Amino acid sequence: MLSPEIAGTFFAAALVLSIAPGPDNIFVLTQSALYGALAGIVTTLGLCTGLCFHTTAVALGVAVIFRSSPTAFWVLKILGACYLLYLAWLAFRSGAALARVPENADGSAHGAATFPGYGALYRRGILMNVTNPKVCLFFLAFLPQFCEPERGSVPLQVVLLGCLFIVATMLVFFSVAALGGRLAKRFNASRRGQIFINRLAGLVFLGLAAALLVTGQ
């Protein structure tokens, strides 16, 4: 088990890392600015589900494959970049209606049939996180530093650390989603604002895809 000192130090470090600007919190901000705070929260839950995948991979030692195999690393990078480019294409082709926040009881927006739905936003969060090999490598390098073999099972400690990191991420990203929701109310007040936020989201996705491709292992 983790000592209280280690758990507290790790949680503080995780909070700082979550606050630092990066692809994930930018992704949450753009989704909540497009569709409202709830959409950002759902996207965050998807990203955190992806973190569960990476935590499990590190605990089981699977992540070592991506660290030692350049081919596996590059394949995952290309898949992740392709998905981000797909999201950029969707954003650029979207009109004003796509940016409306859902208002009906079934989650659809008045006059906005193209709203992707919360299930789609949740899946976007999962795919963006799972197809980013840097997250897996980061966990592989970061989590073991806080493990103490003399205190018991290292895989169990990795899982507990991953859970603490997820809690820290949710606290920060939910705040980001609330900020994005306020932006959504402002931009959704006009057709020009809706189109602007869609184009901005497209540029963000393009930038994230380029950053994923050009950075090395």
Foldseek 3Di string as FASTA:
>chain_A
DADPVLLVVLLVVLLVVLQPDDLQLVLLLLQCLQANLVLSLLLLLLLLVLLLVLLLCLLVVVLVCLVVDVVVVVVLLVQLLVLLLVLLVVLLPDFLLQSYHCDDPVRHRVVRPPPPDSVVSSNSSNSNSNSQSVSSVCLNPPQQVSDDVVVDRRSVSSSVSSVSSSVSNSVNSSVSSNVSNVSNVVLSVDRVSSSVSSNVSSVSSNVVSVVSNPDGD
